[in-house]
Amino acid sequence: MTGRLPSGPPHPRRVAPCPCGRGRLFKKCCGGRTPPSRPSGAQRLLVVGAGAAVEECLQSGVDREHPLPVIRNFASRLFFESAPLQRVIAEYLSAQRVGFDDAIVQPLHEGESRQLTPEQMENSPLRVFQRLEAVDSAAHNVERLFEFVWQTYGDDGELWESLAWDGVLTNLFGACITQFPGFGPAHSMHALLAGQATARCLVPGDRVINLNYDTLFDLALQQAGRFAIYAPEAPARGSIVVYKPHGSFNLYADRSTGDAFFADPSQMRGSVALQDSTGKVWSPAAAIIPPRLGKTYAQHPTAAKILVGLATFARV
């Protein structure tokens, strides 16, 4: 499992446009700043969570009223009307003794399709769960739902991959495209101001645990001209190491073998699976760990591989 996070030339020419995206020459922008220093022998660890993505929306997004979702509105913003989600939510609601219209559930069990009335759709398991989340997100949220699914089905790879597509990746990727026009190539999209401000404080040898599925901070690192690699690749000289144990838009995995690799976040092909010349399918959904209470990284081999290098950090 490998992954390098290119940042373009590690040291842009002073008369070249600054990679931060502000439109100024490198020598008059980031190249004119004195890089931060780190005490000899010190190790620094930055943790990037959902709040970072929200702050990026507030500073750089086009719709500040609707930033990327967090746990309290995850289902309402991201859940897709799909058979796997309707089925597991129906089981969750039944266990919680919450009523719903099961008109959509029985056909799913029988592999059939049925025309539903607007009222039946409004009271489908998914819609009922979204209303519960809106009223009391502490009691009913995506983490509690997926904890129930894990306790019920365990490590059912095919099911979890479907839930990752329908409950995380599809609509989250779409939300990033809506929020950040040109989302993808770091050099051509709008400057990610919050991420760049943090990235400029990082120096070679620093480590970043990025718990977000999106690639906003990854792209901000590139815009700030920082050279970084993805763990578990061995650190290169002058690099920052990025750990993404929960999965990422650009982390592709083969569920049948456990192999995985990171692609350059500036060269993603959207929220789709890739097929190589041998016919092997590499899917970002196969490496996603959906939000879930009680999880351990030992339960997820790809995440465990990514975090191996942090063991040495913890012992220092």
C-alpha atoms as a PDB file:
ATOM      1  CA  MET A   1       0.000   0.000   0.000  1.00  0.00           C
ATOM      2  CA  THR A   2       1.571   3.251  -1.104  1.00  0.00           C
ATOM      3  CA  GLY A   3       0.696   6.852  -1.652  1.00  0.00           C
ATOM      4  CA  ARG A   4       2.534  10.044  -2.433  1.00  0.00           C
ATOM      5  CA  LEU A   5       0.931  13.447  -2.144  1.00  0.00           C
ATOM      6  CA  PRO A   6       2.632  15.555  -4.839  1.00  0.00           C
ATOM      7  CA  SER A   7       2.803  19.284  -4.273  1.00  0.00           C
ATOM      8  CA  GLY A   8       4.233  20.201  -7.649  1.00  0.00           C
ATOM      9  CA  PRO A   9       7.861  21.309  -7.495  1.00  0.00           C
ATOM     10  CA  PRO A  10       8.936  21.278  -3.818  1.00  0.00           C
ATOM     11  CA  HIS A  11      10.473  24.730  -4.340  1.00  0.00           C
ATOM     12  CA  PRO A  12       8.626  26.736  -7.044  1.00  0.00           C
ATOM     13  CA  ARG A  13      10.671  29.211  -9.062  1.00  0.00           C
ATOM     14  CA  ARG A  14      10.537  32.633  -7.423  1.00  0.00           C
ATOM     15  CA  VAL A  15       9.109  34.253 -10.569  1.00  0.00           C
ATOM     16  CA  ALA A  16       6.466  31.535 -11.040  1.00  0.00           C
ATOM     17  CA  PRO A  17       2.843  31.945  -9.898  1.00  0.00           C
ATOM     18  CA  CYS A  18       2.497  31.035  -6.238  1.00  0.00           C
ATOM     19  CA  PRO A  19       0.841  27.599  -5.789  1.00  0.00           C
ATOM     20  CA  CYS A  20      -1.427  29.034  -3.075  1.00  0.00           C
ATOM     21  CA  GLY A  21      -3.735  30.378  -5.786  1.00  0.00           C
ATOM     22  CA  ARG A  22      -3.741  34.055  -4.788  1.00  0.00           C
ATOM     23  CA  GLY A  23      -2.466  35.080  -8.232  1.00  0.00           C
ATOM     24  CA  ARG A  24       0.811  36.614  -7.047  1.00  0.00           C
ATOM     25  CA  LEU A  25       4.399  35.653  -7.844  1.00  0.00           C
ATOM     26  CA  PHE A  26       5.901  33.110  -5.491  1.00  0.00           C
ATOM     27  CA  LYS A  27       8.665  35.505  -4.389  1.00  0.00           C
ATOM     28  CA  LYS A  28       6.081  38.120  -3.380  1.00  0.00           C
ATOM     29  CA  CYS A  29       3.728  35.653  -1.699  1.00  0.00           C
ATOM     30  CA  CYS A  30       4.511  32.412   0.141  1.00  0.00           C
ATOM     31  CA  GLY A  31       8.122  32.467  -1.080  1.00  0.00           C
ATOM     32  CA  GLY A  32       8.736  35.675   0.787  1.00  0.00           C
ATOM     33  CA  ARG A  33       7.695  34.262   4.135  1.00  0.00           C
ATOM     34  CA  THR A  34      10.142  32.832   6.627  1.00  0.00           C
ATOM     35  CA  PRO A  35       9.192  29.178   7.111  1.00  0.00           C
ATOM     36  CA  PRO A  36       8.302  28.145  10.657  1.00  0.00           C
ATOM     37  CA  SER A  37      10.940  26.373  12.669  1.00  0.00           C
ATOM     38  CA  ARG A  38      10.690  23.374  14.949  1.00  0.00           C
ATOM     39  CA  PRO A  39      12.878  22.741  17.988  1.00  0.00           C
ATOM     40  CA  SER A  40      15.520  20.100  17.332  1.00  0.00           C
ATOM     41  CA  GLY A  41      14.252  16.633  18.218  1.00  0.00           C
ATOM     42  CA  ALA A  42      10.652  17.778  18.703  1.00  0.00           C
ATOM     43  CA  GLN A  43       7.803  15.942  17.004  1.00  0.00           C
ATOM     44  CA  ARG A  44       4.529  17.624  16.131  1.00  0.00           C
ATOM     45  CA  LEU A  45       1.201  16.026  15.304  1.00  0.00           C
ATOM     46  CA  LEU A  46      -1.769  17.878  13.787  1.00  0.00           C
ATOM     47  CA  VAL A  47      -5.257  16.341  13.878  1.00  0.00           C
ATOM     48  CA  VAL A  48      -7.680  17.495  11.163  1.00  0.00           C
ATOM     49  CA  GLY A  49     -11.355  16.772  11.825  1.00  0.00           C
ATOM     50  CA  ALA A  50     -14.807  17.743  10.598  1.00  0.00           C
ATOM     51  CA  GLY A  51     -14.481  21.231  12.057  1.00  0.00           C
ATOM     52  CA  ALA A  52     -11.668  21.942   9.603  1.00  0.00           C
ATOM     53  CA  ALA A  53     -13.920  21.211   6.636  1.00  0.00           C
ATOM     54  CA  VAL A  54     -16.670  23.405   8.086  1.00  0.00           C
ATOM     55  CA  GLU A  55     -14.201  26.259   8.618  1.00  0.00           C
ATOM     56  CA  GLU A  56     -12.979  25.885   5.034  1.00  0.00           C
ATOM     57  CA  CYS A  57     -16.567  26.259   3.840  1.00  0.00           C
ATOM     58  CA  LEU A  58     -16.995  29.394   5.955  1.00  0.00           C
ATOM     59  CA  GLN A  59     -13.791  30.971   4.644  1.00  0.00           C
ATOM     60  CA  SER A  60     -13.601  29.721   1.060  1.00  0.00           C
ATOM     61  CA  GLY A  61     -16.910  28.071   0.107  1.00  0.00           C
ATOM     62  CA  VAL A  62     -19.685  29.544  -2.001  1.00  0.00           C
ATOM     63  CA  ASP A  63     -22.530  28.523   0.343  1.00  0.00           C
ATOM     64  CA  ARG A  64     -21.575  29.493   3.871  1.00  0.00           C
ATOM     65  CA  GLU A  65     -25.093  28.824   5.128  1.00  0.00           C
ATOM     66  CA  HIS A  66     -24.734  25.115   4.304  1.00  0.00           C
ATOM     67  CA  PRO A  67     -21.197  23.916   5.096  1.00  0.00           C
ATOM     68  CA  LEU A  68     -20.217  20.275   4.769  1.00  0.00           C
ATOM     69  CA  PRO A  69     -22.115  18.033   7.197  1.00  0.00           C
ATOM     70  CA  VAL A  70     -21.096  16.929  10.670  1.00  0.00           C
ATOM     71  CA  ILE A  71     -22.490  14.111  12.812  1.00  0.00           C
ATOM     72  CA  ARG A  72     -25.647  15.963  13.848  1.00  0.00           C
ATOM     73  CA  ASN A  73     -26.878  16.364  10.245  1.00  0.00           C
ATOM     74  CA  PHE A  74     -24.951  13.642   8.442  1.00  0.00           C
ATOM     75  CA  ALA A  75     -27.946  11.505   7.417  1.00  0.00           C
ATOM     76  CA  SER A  76     -30.084  14.454   6.358  1.00  0.00           C
ATOM     77  CA  ARG A  77     -27.337  15.807   4.112  1.00  0.00           C
ATOM     78  CA  LEU A  78     -25.710  12.670   2.733  1.00  0.00           C
ATOM     79  CA  PHE A  79     -27.964   9.611   2.878  1.00  0.00           C
ATOM     80  CA  PHE A  80     -29.089   8.444  -0.545  1.00  0.00           C
ATOM     81  CA  GLU A  81     -32.435   6.730  -1.198  1.00  0.00           C
ATOM     82  CA  SER A  82     -31.032   3.215  -1.597  1.00  0.00           C
ATOM     83  CA  ALA A  83     -32.119  -0.319  -0.814  1.00  0.00           C
ATOM     84  CA  PRO A  84     -29.223  -1.108   1.581  1.00  0.00           C
ATOM     85  CA  LEU A  85     -29.805   2.042   3.633  1.00  0.00           C
ATOM     86  CA  GLN A  86     -33.578   1.598   3.771  1.00  0.00           C
ATOM     87  CA  ARG A  87     -33.130  -1.990   4.919  1.00  0.00           C
ATOM     88  CA  VAL A  88     -30.631  -1.391   7.738  1.00  0.00           C
ATOM     89  CA  ILE A  89     -32.485   1.717   8.934  1.00  0.00           C
ATOM     90  CA  ALA A  90     -35.731  -0.283   9.064  1.00  0.00           C
ATOM     91  CA  GLU A  91     -34.018  -2.816  11.319  1.00  0.00           C
ATOM     92  CA  TYR A  92     -32.583  -0.044  13.486  1.00  0.00           C
ATOM     93  CA  LEU A  93     -35.991   1.639  13.883  1.00  0.00           C
ATOM     94  CA  SER A  94     -37.643  -1.675  14.706  1.00  0.00           C
ATOM     95  CA  ALA A  95     -35.061  -2.291  17.415  1.00  0.00           C
ATOM     96  CA  GLN A  96     -35.775   1.196  18.785  1.00  0.00           C
ATOM     97  CA  ARG A  97     -39.543   0.576  18.600  1.00  0.00           C
ATOM     98  CA  VAL A  98     -39.999   3.534  16.253  1.00  0.00           C
ATOM     99  CA  GLY A  99     -42.805   3.265  13.739  1.00  0.00           C
ATOM    100  CA  PHE A 100     -42.420   3.670   9.971  1.00  0.00           C
ATOM    101  CA  ASP A 101     -44.234   2.701   6.793  1.00  0.00           C
ATOM    102  CA  ASP A 102     -42.849  -0.662   5.675  1.00  0.00           C
ATOM    103  CA  ALA A 103     -44.350  -0.428   2.184  1.00  0.00           C
ATOM    104  CA  ILE A 104     -40.865   0.046   0.760  1.00  0.00           C
ATOM    105  CA  VAL A 105     -39.211  -2.629   2.907  1.00  0.00           C
ATOM    106  CA  GLN A 106     -41.033  -5.796   1.844  1.00  0.00           C
ATOM    107  CA  PRO A 107     -40.394  -5.317  -1.884  1.00  0.00           C
ATOM    108  CA  LEU A 108     -36.688  -4.817  -1.085  1.00  0.00           C
ATOM    109  CA  HIS A 109     -36.563  -8.161   0.707  1.00  0.00           C
ATOM    110  CA  GLU A 110     -38.258  -9.798  -2.278  1.00  0.00           C
ATOM    111  CA  GLY A 111     -36.094  -8.041  -4.844  1.00  0.00           C
ATOM    112  CA  GLU A 112     -39.068  -6.264  -6.384  1.00  0.00           C
ATOM    113  CA  SER A 113     -39.914  -2.648  -7.125  1.00  0.00           C
ATOM    114  CA  ARG A 114     -43.227  -1.048  -6.215  1.00  0.00           C
ATOM    115  CA  GLN A 115     -44.759   2.337  -6.915  1.00  0.00           C
ATOM    116  CA  LEU A 116     -45.148   4.172  -3.631  1.00  0.00           C
ATOM    117  CA  THR A 117     -47.374   7.083  -2.742  1.00  0.00           C
ATOM    118  CA  PRO A 118     -45.806  10.371  -1.576  1.00  0.00           C
ATOM    119  CA  GLU A 119     -47.097   9.652   1.929  1.00  0.00           C
ATOM    120  CA  GLN A 120     -45.462   6.221   1.962  1.00  0.00           C
ATOM    121  CA  MET A 121     -42.149   7.699   0.828  1.00  0.00           C
ATOM    122  CA  GLU A 122     -42.373  10.423   3.460  1.00  0.00           C
ATOM    123  CA  ASN A 123     -42.696   7.751   6.131  1.00  0.00           C
ATOM    124  CA  SER A 124     -40.087   5.386   4.726  1.00  0.00           C
ATOM    125  CA  PRO A 125     -37.400   4.234   7.185  1.00  0.00           C
ATOM    126  CA  LEU A 126     -34.836   6.667   5.799  1.00  0.00           C
ATOM    127  CA  ARG A 127     -37.125   9.695   6.020  1.00  0.00           C
ATOM    128  CA  VAL A 128     -38.221   8.775   9.550  1.00  0.00           C
ATOM    129  CA  PHE A 129     -34.587   8.438  10.635  1.00  0.00           C
ATOM    130  CA  GLN A 130     -33.709  11.816   9.131  1.00  0.00           C
ATOM    131  CA  ARG A 131     -36.529  13.429  11.119  1.00  0.00           C
ATOM    132  CA  LEU A 132     -35.324  11.738  14.305  1.00  0.00           C
ATOM    133  CA  GLU A 133     -31.839  13.060  13.647  1.00  0.00           C
ATOM    134  CA  ALA A 134     -33.197  16.585  13.200  1.00  0.00           C
ATOM    135  CA  VAL A 135     -35.144  16.435  16.471  1.00  0.00           C
ATOM    136  CA  ASP A 136     -32.616  14.633  18.703  1.00  0.00           C
ATOM    137  CA  SER A 137     -29.268  14.003  17.048  1.00  0.00           C
ATOM    138  CA  ALA A 138     -27.725  12.884  20.341  1.00  0.00           C
ATOM    139  CA  ALA A 139     -30.058   9.885  20.479  1.00  0.00           C
ATOM    140  CA  HIS A 140     -30.340   9.129  16.758  1.00  0.00           C
ATOM    141  CA  ASN A 141     -27.375   9.812  14.518  1.00  0.00           C
ATOM    142  CA  VAL A 142     -25.200   8.129  11.934  1.00  0.00           C
ATOM    143  CA  GLU A 143     -22.717   6.836  14.527  1.00  0.00           C
ATOM    144  CA  ARG A 144     -25.425   5.080  16.526  1.00  0.00           C
ATOM    145  CA  LEU A 145     -27.039   3.709  13.376  1.00  0.00           C
ATOM    146  CA  PHE A 146     -23.827   2.207  12.037  1.00  0.00           C
ATOM    147  CA  GLU A 147     -22.900   0.868  15.478  1.00  0.00           C
ATOM    148  CA  PHE A 148     -26.176  -1.072  15.332  1.00  0.00           C
ATOM    149  CA  VAL A 149     -25.377  -2.279  11.802  1.00  0.00           C
ATOM    150  CA  TRP A 150     -21.934  -3.489  12.909  1.00  0.00           C
ATOM    151  CA  GLN A 151     -23.408  -5.340  15.873  1.00  0.00           C
ATOM    152  CA  THR A 152     -26.029  -6.914  13.582  1.00  0.00           C
ATOM    153  CA  TYR A 153     -23.988  -7.786  10.487  1.00  0.00           C
ATOM    154  CA  GLY A 154     -20.370  -7.579  11.610  1.00  0.00           C
ATOM    155  CA  ASP A 155     -17.691  -7.115   8.978  1.00  0.00           C
ATOM    156  CA  ASP A 156     -19.887  -7.726   5.927  1.00  0.00           C
ATOM    157  CA  GLY A 157     -17.623  -6.114   3.321  1.00  0.00           C
ATOM    158  CA  GLU A 158     -20.167  -6.007   0.509  1.00  0.00           C
ATOM    159  CA  LEU A 159     -22.793  -4.366   2.715  1.00  0.00           C
ATOM    160  CA  TRP A 160     -20.366  -1.789   4.136  1.00  0.00           C
ATOM    161  CA  GLU A 161     -19.109  -0.888   0.694  1.00  0.00           C
ATOM    162  CA  SER A 162     -22.705  -0.264  -0.424  1.00  0.00           C
ATOM    163  CA  LEU A 163     -23.390   1.839   2.671  1.00  0.00           C
ATOM    164  CA  ALA A 164     -20.206   3.831   2.038  1.00  0.00           C
ATOM    165  CA  TRP A 165     -21.337   4.663  -1.498  1.00  0.00           C
ATOM    166  CA  ASP A 166     -24.930   5.475  -0.561  1.00  0.00           C
ATOM    167  CA  GLY A 167     -24.364   7.062   2.847  1.00  0.00           C
ATOM    168  CA  VAL A 168     -21.028   8.856   2.487  1.00  0.00           C
ATOM    169  CA  LEU A 169     -19.197   9.178  -0.798  1.00  0.00           C
ATOM    170  CA  THR A 170     -21.787   9.992  -3.453  1.00  0.00           C
ATOM    171  CA  ASN A 171     -23.405  13.027  -1.877  1.00  0.00           C
ATOM    172  CA  LEU A 172     -20.290  14.206   0.011  1.00  0.00           C
ATOM    173  CA  PHE A 173     -18.319  14.407  -3.213  1.00  0.00           C
ATOM    174  CA  GLY A 174     -21.225  16.272  -4.805  1.00  0.00           C
ATOM    175  CA  ALA A 175     -21.334  18.672  -1.857  1.00  0.00           C
ATOM    176  CA  CYS A 176     -17.625  19.448  -2.311  1.00  0.00           C
ATOM    177  CA  ILE A 177     -18.143  20.163  -6.007  1.00  0.00           C
ATOM    178  CA  THR A 178     -21.033  22.502  -5.168  1.00  0.00           C
ATOM    179  CA  GLN A 179     -19.203  24.233  -2.343  1.00  0.00           C
ATOM    180  CA  PHE A 180     -15.845  24.591  -4.119  1.00  0.00           C
ATOM    181  CA  PRO A 181     -16.168  25.208  -7.893  1.00  0.00           C
ATOM    182  CA  GLY A 182     -13.323  23.559  -9.753  1.00  0.00           C
ATOM    183  CA  PHE A 183     -12.908  21.038  -6.920  1.00  0.00           C
ATOM    184  CA  GLY A 184     -10.065  18.729  -7.840  1.00  0.00           C
ATOM    185  CA  PRO A 185      -6.869  20.208  -9.274  1.00  0.00           C
ATOM    186  CA  ALA A 186      -5.184  22.303  -6.574  1.00  0.00           C
ATOM    187  CA  HIS A 187      -3.676  24.748  -9.061  1.00  0.00           C
ATOM    188  CA  SER A 188      -6.969  25.648 -10.742  1.00  0.00           C
ATOM    189  CA  MET A 189      -9.533  25.673  -7.929  1.00  0.00           C
ATOM    190  CA  HIS A 190     -10.161  28.591  -5.606  1.00  0.00           C
ATOM    191  CA  ALA A 191      -7.660  29.118  -2.817  1.00  0.00           C
ATOM    192  CA  LEU A 192      -8.485  27.070   0.291  1.00  0.00           C
ATOM    193  CA  LEU A 193      -7.720  29.796   2.790  1.00  0.00           C
ATOM    194  CA  ALA A 194      -8.259  27.975   6.083  1.00  0.00           C
ATOM    195  CA  GLY A 195      -6.287  24.927   5.039  1.00  0.00           C
ATOM    196  CA  GLN A 196      -3.445  26.984   3.595  1.00  0.00           C
ATOM    197  CA  ALA A 197      -3.114  29.024   6.779  1.00  0.00           C
ATOM    198  CA  THR A 198      -2.614  25.806   8.733  1.00  0.00           C
ATOM    199  CA  ALA A 199      -0.417  24.161   6.083  1.00  0.00           C
ATOM    200  CA  ARG A 200       2.035  27.061   6.158  1.00  0.00           C
ATOM    201  CA  CYS A 201       2.675  26.348   9.851  1.00  0.00           C
ATOM    202  CA  LEU A 202       3.851  22.827   9.024  1.00  0.00           C
ATOM    203  CA  VAL A 203       7.483  21.917   8.436  1.00  0.00           C
ATOM    204  CA  PRO A 204       9.203  18.760   7.179  1.00  0.00           C
ATOM    205  CA  GLY A 205       8.910  15.975   9.719  1.00  0.00           C
ATOM    206  CA  ASP A 206       5.490  17.047  10.977  1.00  0.00           C
ATOM    207  CA  ARG A 207       2.671  14.519  10.892  1.00  0.00           C
ATOM    208  CA  VAL A 208      -1.007  15.046  10.131  1.00  0.00           C
ATOM    209  CA  ILE A 209      -3.882  12.737  11.067  1.00  0.00           C
ATOM    210  CA  ASN A 210      -6.684  13.706   8.723  1.00  0.00           C
ATOM    211  CA  LEU A 211      -9.955  12.098   9.834  1.00  0.00           C
ATOM    212  CA  ASN A 212     -11.999  13.570   6.979  1.00  0.00           C
ATOM    213  CA  TYR A 213     -13.066  11.713   3.859  1.00  0.00           C
ATOM    214  CA  ASP A 214     -12.747  14.820   1.694  1.00  0.00           C
ATOM    215  CA  THR A 215      -9.440  16.007   0.237  1.00  0.00           C
ATOM    216  CA  LEU A 216      -9.714  19.695   1.129  1.00  0.00           C
ATOM    217  CA  PHE A 217      -6.703  19.773   3.451  1.00  0.00           C
ATOM    218  CA  ASP A 218      -4.734  17.562   1.067  1.00  0.00           C
ATOM    219  CA  LEU A 219      -5.314  20.129  -1.684  1.00  0.00           C
ATOM    220  CA  ALA A 220      -4.518  23.011   0.672  1.00  0.00           C
ATOM    221  CA  LEU A 221      -1.138  21.408   1.346  1.00  0.00           C
ATOM    222  CA  GLN A 222      -0.467  21.422  -2.381  1.00  0.00           C
ATOM    223  CA  GLN A 223      -1.627  25.013  -2.753  1.00  0.00           C
ATOM    224  CA  ALA A 224       0.690  26.041   0.075  1.00  0.00           C
ATOM    225  CA  GLY A 225       3.607  24.342  -1.668  1.00  0.00           C
ATOM    226  CA  ARG A 226       4.116  21.760   1.064  1.00  0.00           C
ATOM    227  CA  PHE A 227       5.625  18.408   0.102  1.00  0.00           C
ATOM    228  CA  ALA A 228       3.730  15.583   1.753  1.00  0.00           C
ATOM    229  CA  ILE A 229       3.256  11.843   1.438  1.00  0.00           C
ATOM    230  CA  TYR A 230       0.500   9.507   2.555  1.00  0.00           C
ATOM    231  CA  ALA A 231       1.256   6.886   5.192  1.00  0.00           C
ATOM    232  CA  PRO A 232       2.153   4.059   5.206  1.00  0.00           C
ATOM    233  CA  GLU A 233       4.738   5.116   2.648  1.00  0.00           C
ATOM    234  CA  ALA A 234       8.072   5.722   4.324  1.00  0.00           C
ATOM    235  CA  PRO A 235       8.737   9.424   4.942  1.00  0.00           C
ATOM    236  CA  ALA A 236      10.873  11.107   2.309  1.00  0.00           C
ATOM    237  CA  ARG A 237      13.430  13.770   3.083  1.00  0.00           C
ATOM    238  CA  GLY A 238      11.729  17.114   3.590  1.00  0.00           C
ATOM    239  CA  SER A 239       8.231  15.625   3.677  1.00  0.00           C
ATOM    240  CA  ILE A 240       5.171  15.951   5.868  1.00  0.00           C
ATOM    241  CA  VAL A 241       3.394  12.644   6.535  1.00  0.00           C
ATOM    242  CA  VAL A 242      -0.412  12.480   6.205  1.00  0.00           C
ATOM    243  CA  TYR A 243      -2.442   9.677   7.800  1.00  0.00           C
ATOM    244  CA  LYS A 244      -6.044   9.129   6.616  1.00  0.00           C
ATOM    245  CA  PRO A 245      -7.274   6.042   8.514  1.00  0.00           C
ATOM    246  CA  HIS A 246     -10.985   6.651   7.894  1.00  0.00           C
ATOM    247  CA  GLY A 247     -10.571   6.543   4.120  1.00  0.00           C
ATOM    248  CA  SER A 248     -10.571   9.263   1.513  1.00  0.00           C
ATOM    249  CA  PHE A 249     -11.945  10.279  -1.858  1.00  0.00           C
ATOM    250  CA  ASN A 250      -8.562   9.342  -3.317  1.00  0.00           C
ATOM    251  CA  LEU A 251      -7.840   6.131  -1.396  1.00  0.00           C
ATOM    252  CA  TYR A 252      -8.639   3.171  -3.636  1.00  0.00           C
ATOM    253  CA  ALA A 253      -8.872  -0.358  -2.239  1.00  0.00           C
ATOM    254  CA  ASP A 254      -9.490  -3.869  -3.500  1.00  0.00           C
ATOM    255  CA  ARG A 255     -11.843  -5.411  -0.976  1.00  0.00           C
ATOM    256  CA  SER A 256     -10.979  -8.968  -2.050  1.00  0.00           C
ATOM    257  CA  THR A 257      -7.248  -8.626  -1.293  1.00  0.00           C
ATOM    258  CA  GLY A 258      -6.976  -5.660   1.048  1.00  0.00           C
ATOM    259  CA  ASP A 259      -4.534  -3.897  -1.286  1.00  0.00           C
ATOM    260  CA  ALA A 260      -4.892  -0.123  -1.480  1.00  0.00           C
ATOM    261  CA  PHE A 261      -3.226   2.993  -2.849  1.00  0.00           C
ATOM    262  CA  PHE A 262      -3.597   6.774  -2.660  1.00  0.00           C
ATOM    263  CA  ALA A 263      -3.970   8.798  -5.849  1.00  0.00           C
ATOM    264  CA  ASP A 264      -2.916  12.418  -6.265  1.00  0.00           C
ATOM    265  CA  PRO A 265      -5.895  14.434  -4.934  1.00  0.00           C
ATOM    266  CA  SER A 266      -5.467  16.840  -7.849  1.00  0.00           C
ATOM    267  CA  GLN A 267      -6.033  14.008 -10.318  1.00  0.00           C
ATOM    268  CA  MET A 268      -9.065  12.221  -8.914  1.00  0.00           C
ATOM    269  CA  ARG A 269     -11.594  10.761 -11.335  1.00  0.00           C
ATOM    270  CA  GLY A 270     -14.589  11.624  -9.201  1.00  0.00           C
ATOM    271  CA  SER A 271     -16.341   9.409  -6.680  1.00  0.00           C
ATOM    272  CA  VAL A 272     -16.081   6.300  -8.858  1.00  0.00           C
ATOM    273  CA  ALA A 273     -14.282   2.982  -8.753  1.00  0.00           C
ATOM    274  CA  LEU A 274     -11.359   2.315 -11.084  1.00  0.00           C
ATOM    275  CA  GLN A 275     -10.551  -0.828 -13.057  1.00  0.00           C
ATOM    276  CA  ASP A 276      -6.954  -1.614 -13.939  1.00  0.00           C
ATOM    277  CA  SER A 277      -5.598  -3.491 -16.960  1.00  0.00           C
ATOM    278  CA  THR A 278      -5.943  -6.842 -15.169  1.00  0.00           C
ATOM    279  CA  GLY A 279      -9.630  -6.300 -14.452  1.00  0.00           C
ATOM    280  CA  LYS A 280      -9.127  -5.633 -10.745  1.00  0.00           C
ATOM    281  CA  VAL A 281     -11.565  -3.061  -9.341  1.00  0.00           C
ATOM    282  CA  TRP A 282     -10.260  -0.382  -6.979  1.00  0.00           C
ATOM    283  CA  SER A 283     -12.950   1.399  -5.003  1.00  0.00           C
ATOM    284  CA  PRO A 284     -12.774   4.358  -2.580  1.00  0.00           C
ATOM    285  CA  ALA A 285     -15.832   2.910  -0.832  1.00  0.00           C
ATOM    286  CA  ALA A 286     -13.915  -0.260   0.054  1.00  0.00           C
ATOM    287  CA  ALA A 287     -11.555   1.753   2.300  1.00  0.00           C
ATOM    288  CA  ILE A 288     -14.163   4.005   3.926  1.00  0.00           C
ATOM    289  CA  ILE A 289     -14.906   3.530   7.632  1.00  0.00           C
ATOM    290  CA  PRO A 290     -18.366   5.074   8.069  1.00  0.00           C
ATOM    291  CA  PRO A 291     -18.939   7.049  11.296  1.00  0.00           C
ATOM    292  CA  ARG A 292     -19.530   4.435  14.002  1.00  0.00           C
ATOM    293  CA  LEU A 293     -19.392   4.305  17.777  1.00  0.00           C
ATOM    294  CA  GLY A 294     -17.166   1.685  19.352  1.00  0.00           C
ATOM    295  CA  LYS A 295     -14.942   1.112  16.337  1.00  0.00           C
ATOM    296  CA  THR A 296     -11.296   0.131  16.591  1.00  0.00           C
ATOM    297  CA  TYR A 297      -8.752   0.421  13.827  1.00  0.00           C
ATOM    298  CA  ALA A 298      -7.765  -3.204  14.391  1.00  0.00           C
ATOM    299  CA  GLN A 299     -11.154  -4.101  12.869  1.00  0.00           C
ATOM    300  CA  HIS A 300     -10.147  -2.363   9.640  1.00  0.00           C
ATOM    301  CA  PRO A 301      -6.923  -3.693   8.057  1.00  0.00           C
ATOM    302  CA  THR A 302      -6.394  -0.760   5.689  1.00  0.00           C
ATOM    303  CA  ALA A 303      -6.654   1.743   8.550  1.00  0.00           C
ATOM    304  CA  ALA A 304      -4.326  -0.370  10.682  1.00  0.00           C
ATOM    305  CA  LYS A 305      -1.689  -0.339   7.920  1.00  0.00           C
ATOM    306  CA  ILE A 306      -1.962   3.428   7.567  1.00  0.00           C
ATOM    307  CA  LEU A 307      -1.416   4.016  11.285  1.00  0.00           C
ATOM    308  CA  VAL A 308       1.564   1.698  11.771  1.00  0.00           C
ATOM    309  CA  GLY A 309       4.043   4.582  11.586  1.00  0.00           C
ATOM    310  CA  LEU A 310       2.376   6.410  14.474  1.00  0.00           C
ATOM    311  CA  ALA A 311       3.533   3.702  16.887  1.00  0.00           C
ATOM    312  CA  THR A 312       7.047   5.144  16.775  1.00  0.00           C
ATOM    313  CA  PHE A 313       5.650   8.637  17.321  1.00  0.00           C
ATOM    314  CA  ALA A 314       3.743   7.488  20.406  1.00  0.00           C
ATOM    315  CA  ARG A 315       6.855   5.908  21.940  1.00  0.00           C
ATOM    316  CA  VAL A 316       8.956   9.065  21.651  1.00  0.00           C
END
